[in-house]
């Protein structure tokens, strides 16, 4: 390895460099609109329960399609899998852009969004598992996270400003344009594919029950942070596109410095780093239940953005380590099924039992603490 002694050797890894670039462009695009999608649906007079069921469909489709994408990655390569996700995602935004006039059923949009999630993330995680270095994996993951976070940091605020002063439709078109160019960096190097021998039952036998529970709870916890919490603060406290975008951008900005620190800790002790992050995250969920002003939202989300990186980076380090101990493609499929299945169950539960929605702070705290079981 010519850059073995260079702490920045990942910069010269062409496979990872193109992945960083593609991911950064994609995340810039999605960060401009992602947290505003449920708000857009609320503005079109969709009920909260119907929006929660929409996300249940998204992740339910993700769960079902993931084994198919695993076979696709095995046969055609991980880059082709990520490539297929782009037209699916563009179609989703085209449907979303015309939803008010065409009245497309939400389940149709959910199918497109869930399918693209399966194709993209299966390809992405197989790519990273194959091309990342065991000794530098924490640093490389933090570099991928950092490049994404830098690209995403301005996105929510920019998206909020454009929605407030121009329109949702303008942002949809801008996002579609950016997504169209994300495919270019993926083909600077050749694609790679590995034969798949996937058995969900076999992986369940290999993995410890606590590891399975860790992955399952992590998926739901992330959905709580990325979807449920933004809906809550918009409806009850902020009531402003710009304020919601500012909150998300602020959290990302505060997380930037913490990402590299998390990567260094995760390189040495990923399990302890994950547990420490879970404790901080759980405390933050409890504190969030007392938040009542925009300023309090800004402060707690700035802290949360930093604390969650302890969980996110160390969780991914453990994921890629486990993937390389077994069949890479098979483990990635296993991981994606558990993550998306937990989110499906979460949104079905919140949609059916709306009383749970008022208790989601405590659900989030419990989900975070489940990382202590590993």
Protein backbone atom coordinates (compact mmCIF):
# COMPACT_ATOMS: atom_id res chain seq x y z
CA UNK A 1 0.00 0.00 0.00
CA UNK A 2 1.86 3.16 -1.19
CA UNK A 3 0.02 5.46 1.21
CA UNK A 4 -0.04 3.17 4.21
CA UNK A 5 1.77 5.65 6.45
CA UNK A 6 -0.06 8.71 5.20
CA UNK A 7 -3.07 9.64 7.37
CA UNK A 8 -4.69 11.13 4.27
CA UNK A 9 -4.15 8.11 2.06
CA UNK A 10 -7.88 7.83 1.42
CA UNK A 11 -7.62 10.94 -0.78
CA UNK A 12 -5.64 8.84 -3.26
CA UNK A 13 -8.15 5.98 -3.27
CA UNK A 14 -9.88 6.61 -6.59
CA UNK A 15 -12.80 4.30 -5.81
CA UNK A 16 -13.57 6.10 -2.56
CA UNK A 17 -12.87 9.55 -4.00
CA UNK A 18 -15.50 9.12 -6.69
CA UNK A 19 -17.89 7.78 -4.07
CA UNK A 20 -17.29 10.83 -1.87
CA UNK A 21 -17.93 13.20 -4.79
CA UNK A 22 -21.09 11.46 -5.97
CA UNK A 23 -22.43 11.24 -2.43
CA UNK A 24 -21.66 14.91 -1.77
CA UNK A 25 -23.61 16.06 -4.85
CA UNK A 26 -26.50 13.72 -4.04
CA UNK A 27 -26.67 14.86 -0.44
CA UNK A 28 -26.52 18.53 -1.42
CA UNK A 29 -29.56 17.96 -3.63
CA UNK A 30 -31.53 15.92 -1.11
CA UNK A 31 -30.67 18.17 1.84
CA UNK A 32 -32.39 21.06 0.05
CA UNK A 33 -35.73 19.26 0.03
CA UNK A 34 -35.61 16.16 2.28
CA UNK A 35 -36.92 17.62 5.55
CA UNK A 36 -39.53 19.67 3.64
CA UNK A 37 -41.25 16.74 1.88
CA UNK A 38 -43.64 15.95 4.79
CA UNK A 39 -44.29 19.70 5.19
CA UNK A 40 -45.15 19.91 1.49
CA UNK A 41 -47.62 17.06 1.93
CA UNK A 42 -49.14 18.75 4.99
CA UNK A 43 -49.61 21.91 2.92
CA UNK A 44 -51.50 19.85 0.33
CA UNK A 45 -53.91 18.88 3.14
CA UNK A 46 -52.68 15.34 3.63
CA UNK A 47 -53.27 14.20 7.21
CA UNK A 48 -50.38 13.42 9.54
CA UNK A 49 -51.40 9.76 9.69
CA UNK A 50 -51.44 9.48 5.87
CA UNK A 51 -47.93 10.96 5.74
CA UNK A 52 -46.71 8.49 8.37
CA UNK A 53 -48.23 5.62 6.35
CA UNK A 54 -46.52 7.03 3.24
CA UNK A 55 -43.16 6.59 4.96
CA UNK A 56 -44.21 3.12 6.10
CA UNK A 57 -44.76 2.25 2.42
CA UNK A 58 -41.39 3.76 1.48
CA UNK A 59 -39.48 1.63 3.97
CA UNK A 60 -41.70 -1.40 3.46
CA UNK A 61 -40.81 -1.35 -0.25
CA UNK A 62 -37.17 -0.79 0.70
CA UNK A 63 -37.31 -3.93 2.86
CA UNK A 64 -38.92 -6.06 0.15
CA UNK A 65 -36.77 -4.85 -2.76
CA UNK A 66 -33.40 -5.06 -0.99
CA UNK A 67 -32.79 -8.81 -1.69
CA UNK A 68 -33.48 -8.08 -5.37
CA UNK A 69 -30.95 -5.25 -5.39
CA UNK A 70 -28.43 -7.59 -3.77
CA UNK A 71 -28.73 -9.97 -6.71
CA UNK A 72 -28.48 -6.99 -9.06
CA UNK A 73 -25.26 -5.80 -7.37
CA UNK A 74 -23.85 -9.32 -7.53
CA UNK A 75 -24.53 -9.61 -11.25
CA UNK A 76 -24.00 -6.07 -12.58
CA UNK A 77 -21.93 -4.25 -9.93
CA UNK A 78 -22.48 -1.74 -7.16
CA UNK A 79 -22.02 1.33 -9.36
CA UNK A 80 -24.76 0.18 -11.72
CA UNK A 81 -27.00 -0.28 -8.69
CA UNK A 82 -26.39 3.31 -7.59
CA UNK A 83 -26.94 4.45 -11.18
CA UNK A 84 -30.34 2.74 -11.38
CA UNK A 85 -31.43 4.62 -8.24
CA UNK A 86 -31.09 8.03 -9.93
CA UNK A 87 -33.92 7.81 -12.52
CA UNK A 88 -36.14 6.27 -9.82
CA UNK A 89 -35.42 9.20 -7.50
CA UNK A 90 -35.92 11.74 -10.29
CA UNK A 91 -39.28 10.12 -11.11
CA UNK A 92 -40.28 10.43 -7.46
CA UNK A 93 -39.60 14.17 -7.49
CA UNK A 94 -41.38 14.61 -10.81
CA UNK A 95 -44.46 12.91 -9.30
CA UNK A 96 -44.13 15.01 -6.16
CA UNK A 97 -43.85 18.19 -8.24
CA UNK A 98 -47.13 17.41 -10.06
CA UNK A 99 -48.94 15.89 -7.08
CA UNK A 100 -51.19 18.89 -6.44
CA UNK A 101 -52.64 18.82 -9.97
CA UNK A 102 -52.46 15.13 -10.81
CA UNK A 103 -53.44 13.72 -7.41
CA UNK A 104 -51.11 10.73 -7.69
CA UNK A 105 -51.72 8.13 -4.97
CA UNK A 106 -49.10 8.43 -2.24
CA UNK A 107 -48.41 4.70 -2.39
CA UNK A 108 -47.13 5.16 -5.96
CA UNK A 109 -44.64 7.79 -4.83
CA UNK A 110 -43.68 5.53 -1.94
CA UNK A 111 -42.86 2.68 -4.32
CA UNK A 112 -40.48 4.81 -6.37
CA UNK A 113 -38.78 6.32 -3.31
CA UNK A 114 -38.45 2.97 -1.50
CA UNK A 115 -37.09 1.20 -4.58
CA UNK A 116 -34.43 3.82 -5.18
CA UNK A 117 -33.36 3.65 -1.53
CA UNK A 118 -32.79 -0.10 -1.91
CA UNK A 119 -30.76 0.25 -5.11
CA UNK A 120 -28.65 3.16 -3.88
CA UNK A 121 -27.78 2.08 -0.35
CA UNK A 122 -27.09 -1.56 -1.23
CA UNK A 123 -24.67 -0.42 -3.94
CA UNK A 124 -23.12 2.26 -1.74
CA UNK A 125 -22.44 0.03 1.26
CA UNK A 126 -21.04 -2.80 -0.87
CA UNK A 127 -18.77 -0.25 -2.60
CA UNK A 128 -17.50 1.12 0.72
CA UNK A 129 -17.09 -2.32 2.29
CA UNK A 130 -14.92 -3.48 -0.60
CA UNK A 131 -12.79 -0.36 -1.05
CA UNK A 132 -12.28 0.88 2.51
CA UNK A 133 -9.20 -0.10 4.55
CA UNK A 134 -9.65 -2.05 7.78
CA UNK A 135 -7.04 -0.02 9.68
CA UNK A 136 -8.31 3.34 8.43
CA UNK A 137 -12.00 2.54 8.14
CA UNK A 138 -13.09 4.94 10.88
CA UNK A 139 -11.17 7.78 9.24
CA UNK A 140 -12.49 6.89 5.80
CA UNK A 141 -16.07 6.74 7.05
CA UNK A 142 -15.66 10.07 8.81
CA UNK A 143 -14.24 11.48 5.54
CA UNK A 144 -17.29 10.25 3.63
CA UNK A 145 -19.55 11.66 6.34
CA UNK A 146 -17.61 14.93 6.40
CA UNK A 147 -17.78 15.43 2.63
CA UNK A 148 -21.51 14.76 2.78
CA UNK A 149 -22.01 17.02 5.81
CA UNK A 150 -20.16 19.92 4.16
CA UNK A 151 -22.34 19.54 1.08
CA UNK A 152 -25.48 19.18 3.19
CA UNK A 153 -24.78 21.99 5.66
CA UNK A 154 -26.04 24.80 3.43
CA UNK A 155 -28.74 22.69 1.78
CA UNK A 156 -31.60 22.91 4.31
CA UNK A 157 -31.27 26.66 4.83
CA UNK A 158 -30.92 27.27 1.09
CA UNK A 159 -33.92 25.03 0.43
CA UNK A 160 -35.97 26.82 3.09
CA UNK A 161 -35.14 30.23 1.61
CA UNK A 162 -35.95 29.12 -1.95
CA UNK A 163 -39.25 27.54 -0.87
CA UNK A 164 -40.23 30.63 1.12
CA UNK A 165 -39.29 33.21 -1.50
CA UNK A 166 -39.64 31.28 -4.78
CA UNK A 167 -41.58 27.98 -4.63
CA UNK A 168 -41.47 24.26 -3.89
CA UNK A 169 -41.64 23.61 -7.63
CA UNK A 170 -38.43 25.56 -8.30
CA UNK A 171 -36.60 23.52 -5.66
CA UNK A 172 -37.92 20.24 -7.10
CA UNK A 173 -36.52 21.13 -10.53
CA UNK A 174 -33.18 22.23 -9.07
CA UNK A 175 -32.90 18.98 -7.11
CA UNK A 176 -33.67 16.94 -10.23
CA UNK A 177 -30.90 18.75 -12.13
CA UNK A 178 -28.35 18.06 -9.37
CA UNK A 179 -29.36 14.41 -9.15
CA UNK A 180 -28.83 14.01 -12.88
CA UNK A 181 -25.13 14.90 -12.56
CA UNK A 182 -24.44 12.64 -9.56
CA UNK A 183 -23.89 9.71 -11.90
CA UNK A 184 -20.82 11.22 -13.57
CA UNK A 185 -18.20 10.57 -10.82
CA UNK A 186 -19.20 6.91 -10.48
CA UNK A 187 -17.58 5.86 -13.73
CA UNK A 188 -14.11 7.29 -13.30
CA UNK A 189 -13.09 3.71 -12.43
CA UNK A 190 -14.35 0.27 -13.41
CA UNK A 191 -17.34 -1.33 -11.73
CA UNK A 192 -16.96 -4.44 -9.59
CA UNK A 193 -19.31 -7.23 -8.64
CA UNK A 194 -19.16 -10.29 -6.43
CA UNK A 195 -21.19 -13.52 -6.52
CA UNK A 196 -23.96 -13.57 -3.92
CA UNK A 197 -24.77 -16.40 -1.57
CA UNK A 198 -27.38 -14.82 0.62
CA UNK A 199 -29.29 -16.61 3.36
CA UNK A 200 -31.16 -14.47 5.88
CA UNK A 201 -31.52 -17.45 8.24
CA UNK A 202 -27.79 -18.19 8.03
CA UNK A 203 -26.88 -14.58 8.82
CA UNK A 204 -29.28 -14.62 11.77
CA UNK A 205 -27.40 -17.64 13.09
CA UNK A 206 -24.00 -16.00 12.59
CA UNK A 207 -24.90 -12.62 14.08
CA UNK A 208 -25.40 -12.18 17.78
CA UNK A 209 -29.01 -11.30 18.74
CA UNK A 210 -27.71 -8.10 20.35
CA UNK A 211 -26.04 -7.07 17.07
CA UNK A 212 -29.30 -7.67 15.22
CA UNK A 213 -31.20 -5.60 17.78
CA UNK A 214 -28.56 -2.85 17.50
CA UNK A 215 -29.06 -2.55 13.74
CA UNK A 216 -32.85 -2.75 14.06
CA UNK A 217 -33.09 -0.02 16.70
CA UNK A 218 -30.58 2.22 14.92
CA UNK A 219 -32.78 2.34 11.83
CA UNK A 220 -35.85 3.48 13.74
CA UNK A 221 -33.83 5.97 15.77
CA UNK A 222 -32.49 7.62 12.61
CA UNK A 223 -36.00 7.90 11.19
CA UNK A 224 -37.15 9.57 14.40
CA UNK A 225 -34.38 12.17 14.06
CA UNK A 226 -34.69 12.71 10.32
CA UNK A 227 -38.46 12.70 9.82
CA UNK A 228 -40.55 12.69 13.01
CA UNK A 229 -38.64 15.40 14.91
CA UNK A 230 -38.62 17.92 11.97
CA UNK A 231 -42.39 17.44 11.49
CA UNK A 232 -42.97 18.05 15.20
CA UNK A 233 -40.91 21.23 15.52
CA UNK A 234 -42.38 22.69 12.32
CA UNK A 235 -45.98 22.06 13.40
CA UNK A 236 -45.65 23.06 17.04
CA UNK A 237 -42.77 25.56 17.36
CA UNK A 238 -41.16 26.93 14.19
CA UNK A 239 -43.93 27.11 11.58
CA UNK A 240 -41.42 28.50 9.08
CA UNK A 241 -39.53 26.94 6.16
CA UNK A 242 -36.52 29.18 6.77
CA UNK A 243 -36.41 28.42 10.50
CA UNK A 244 -36.68 24.67 9.87
CA UNK A 245 -33.92 24.84 7.27
CA UNK A 246 -31.74 26.93 9.57
CA UNK A 247 -32.19 24.40 12.38
CA UNK A 248 -31.04 21.51 10.21
CA UNK A 249 -28.11 23.46 8.73
CA UNK A 250 -27.01 24.55 12.20
CA UNK A 251 -26.97 20.95 13.43
CA UNK A 252 -24.88 19.90 10.45
CA UNK A 253 -22.42 22.76 10.91
CA UNK A 254 -21.86 21.88 14.56
CA UNK A 255 -21.32 18.25 13.63
CA UNK A 256 -18.49 18.95 11.17
CA UNK A 257 -15.65 19.13 13.67
CA UNK A 258 -17.02 16.20 15.64
CA UNK A 259 -17.09 13.90 12.62
CA UNK A 260 -13.31 13.52 12.34
CA UNK A 261 -12.98 13.13 16.12
CA UNK A 262 -15.60 10.38 16.03
CA UNK A 263 -13.70 8.65 13.23
CA UNK A 264 -10.46 8.57 15.23
CA UNK A 265 -12.21 7.16 18.31
CA UNK A 266 -14.14 4.64 16.21
CA UNK A 267 -10.90 3.41 14.60
CA UNK A 268 -9.68 2.27 18.01
CA UNK A 269 -12.82 1.47 20.00
CA UNK A 270 -15.95 1.46 17.80
CA UNK A 271 -18.11 -0.34 20.37
CA UNK A 272 -17.33 2.07 23.22
CA UNK A 273 -17.77 5.05 20.89
CA UNK A 274 -21.17 3.77 19.83
CA UNK A 275 -22.27 3.27 23.42
CA UNK A 276 -21.11 6.74 24.42
CA UNK A 277 -23.02 8.24 21.51
CA UNK A 278 -26.15 6.30 22.45
CA UNK A 279 -26.09 7.71 25.99
CA UNK A 280 -25.73 11.29 24.75
CA UNK A 281 -28.45 10.75 22.13
CA UNK A 282 -30.84 9.32 24.71
CA UNK A 283 -30.32 12.31 27.03
CA UNK A 284 -30.94 14.69 24.12
CA UNK A 285 -34.26 12.99 23.35
CA UNK A 286 -35.42 13.56 26.92
CA UNK A 287 -34.31 17.20 26.87
CA UNK A 288 -36.19 17.71 23.60
CA UNK A 289 -39.46 16.96 25.39
CA UNK A 290 -39.05 20.28 27.29
CA UNK A 291 -38.27 22.42 24.24
CA UNK A 292 -40.88 25.15 23.59
CA UNK A 293 -39.11 28.03 21.79
CA UNK A 294 -37.23 28.35 18.48
CA UNK A 295 -34.02 29.33 20.31
CA UNK A 296 -34.22 26.16 22.41
CA UNK A 297 -34.69 24.14 19.22
CA UNK A 298 -31.57 25.70 17.70
CA UNK A 299 -29.46 24.97 20.80
CA UNK A 300 -30.57 21.36 21.34
CA UNK A 301 -30.25 20.48 17.64
CA UNK A 302 -26.76 21.98 17.48
CA UNK A 303 -25.75 19.72 20.38
CA UNK A 304 -27.60 16.75 18.90
CA UNK A 305 -25.82 17.15 15.56
CA UNK A 306 -22.46 16.65 17.28
CA UNK A 307 -23.53 13.86 19.63
CA UNK A 308 -25.14 11.75 16.93
CA UNK A 309 -21.91 11.55 14.96
CA UNK A 310 -20.49 9.39 17.75
CA UNK A 311 -23.26 6.91 16.96
CA UNK A 312 -23.32 7.27 13.18
CA UNK A 313 -19.60 6.89 12.45
CA UNK A 314 -18.99 4.08 14.95
CA UNK A 315 -22.12 2.24 13.79
CA UNK A 316 -20.88 2.29 10.19
CA UNK A 317 -17.39 1.15 11.25
CA UNK A 318 -18.89 -1.89 12.96
CA UNK A 319 -21.12 -2.53 9.96
CA UNK A 320 -18.25 -2.64 7.48
CA UNK A 321 -16.12 -4.73 9.81
CA UNK A 322 -18.90 -7.28 10.14
CA UNK A 323 -19.48 -7.23 6.39
CA UNK A 324 -15.85 -8.12 5.71
CA UNK A 325 -15.97 -10.98 8.22
CA UNK A 326 -18.77 -12.67 6.28
CA UNK A 327 -20.16 -12.34 2.75
CA UNK A 328 -20.09 -8.60 1.99
CA UNK A 329 -23.14 -8.41 -0.26
CA UNK A 330 -25.11 -10.76 1.98
CA UNK A 331 -24.37 -8.77 5.11
CA UNK A 332 -25.25 -5.46 3.45
CA UNK A 333 -28.61 -6.95 2.41
CA UNK A 334 -29.13 -8.21 5.95
CA UNK A 335 -28.29 -4.75 7.36
CA UNK A 336 -30.56 -2.87 4.94
CA UNK A 337 -33.48 -5.22 5.59
CA UNK A 338 -33.21 -4.71 9.35
CA UNK A 339 -32.84 -0.92 9.08
CA UNK A 340 -35.77 -0.47 6.71
CA UNK A 341 -37.98 -3.03 8.51
CA UNK A 342 -37.55 -1.15 11.80
CA UNK A 343 -38.55 2.10 10.13
CA UNK A 344 -41.57 0.43 8.55
CA UNK A 345 -42.71 -0.85 11.93
CA UNK A 346 -42.11 2.58 13.49
CA UNK A 347 -44.26 4.48 10.98
CA UNK A 348 -47.03 1.89 10.99
CA UNK A 349 -47.16 2.10 14.77
CA UNK A 350 -47.19 5.91 14.79
CA UNK A 351 -49.81 5.98 12.03
CA UNK A 352 -52.14 3.48 13.73
CA UNK A 353 -51.68 4.72 17.27
CA UNK A 354 -51.42 8.49 17.00
CA UNK A 355 -51.23 8.75 20.80
CA UNK A 356 -47.70 7.33 20.45
CA UNK A 357 -46.75 10.41 18.44
CA UNK A 358 -46.96 12.52 21.60
CA UNK A 359 -44.57 10.10 23.34
CA UNK A 360 -42.00 9.91 20.56
CA UNK A 361 -39.34 11.63 22.71
CA UNK A 362 -39.28 8.64 25.03
CA UNK A 363 -39.41 6.18 22.13
CA UNK A 364 -36.34 7.90 20.69
CA UNK A 365 -34.54 7.73 24.03
CA UNK A 366 -35.22 4.01 24.37
CA UNK A 367 -34.12 3.31 20.78
CA UNK A 368 -30.84 5.16 21.39
CA UNK A 369 -30.15 3.23 24.59
CA UNK A 370 -30.55 -0.10 22.79
CA UNK A 371 -27.02 0.40 21.43
CA UNK A 372 -25.78 -0.35 24.96
CA UNK A 373 -26.85 -3.97 24.49
CA UNK A 374 -24.09 -4.79 22.01
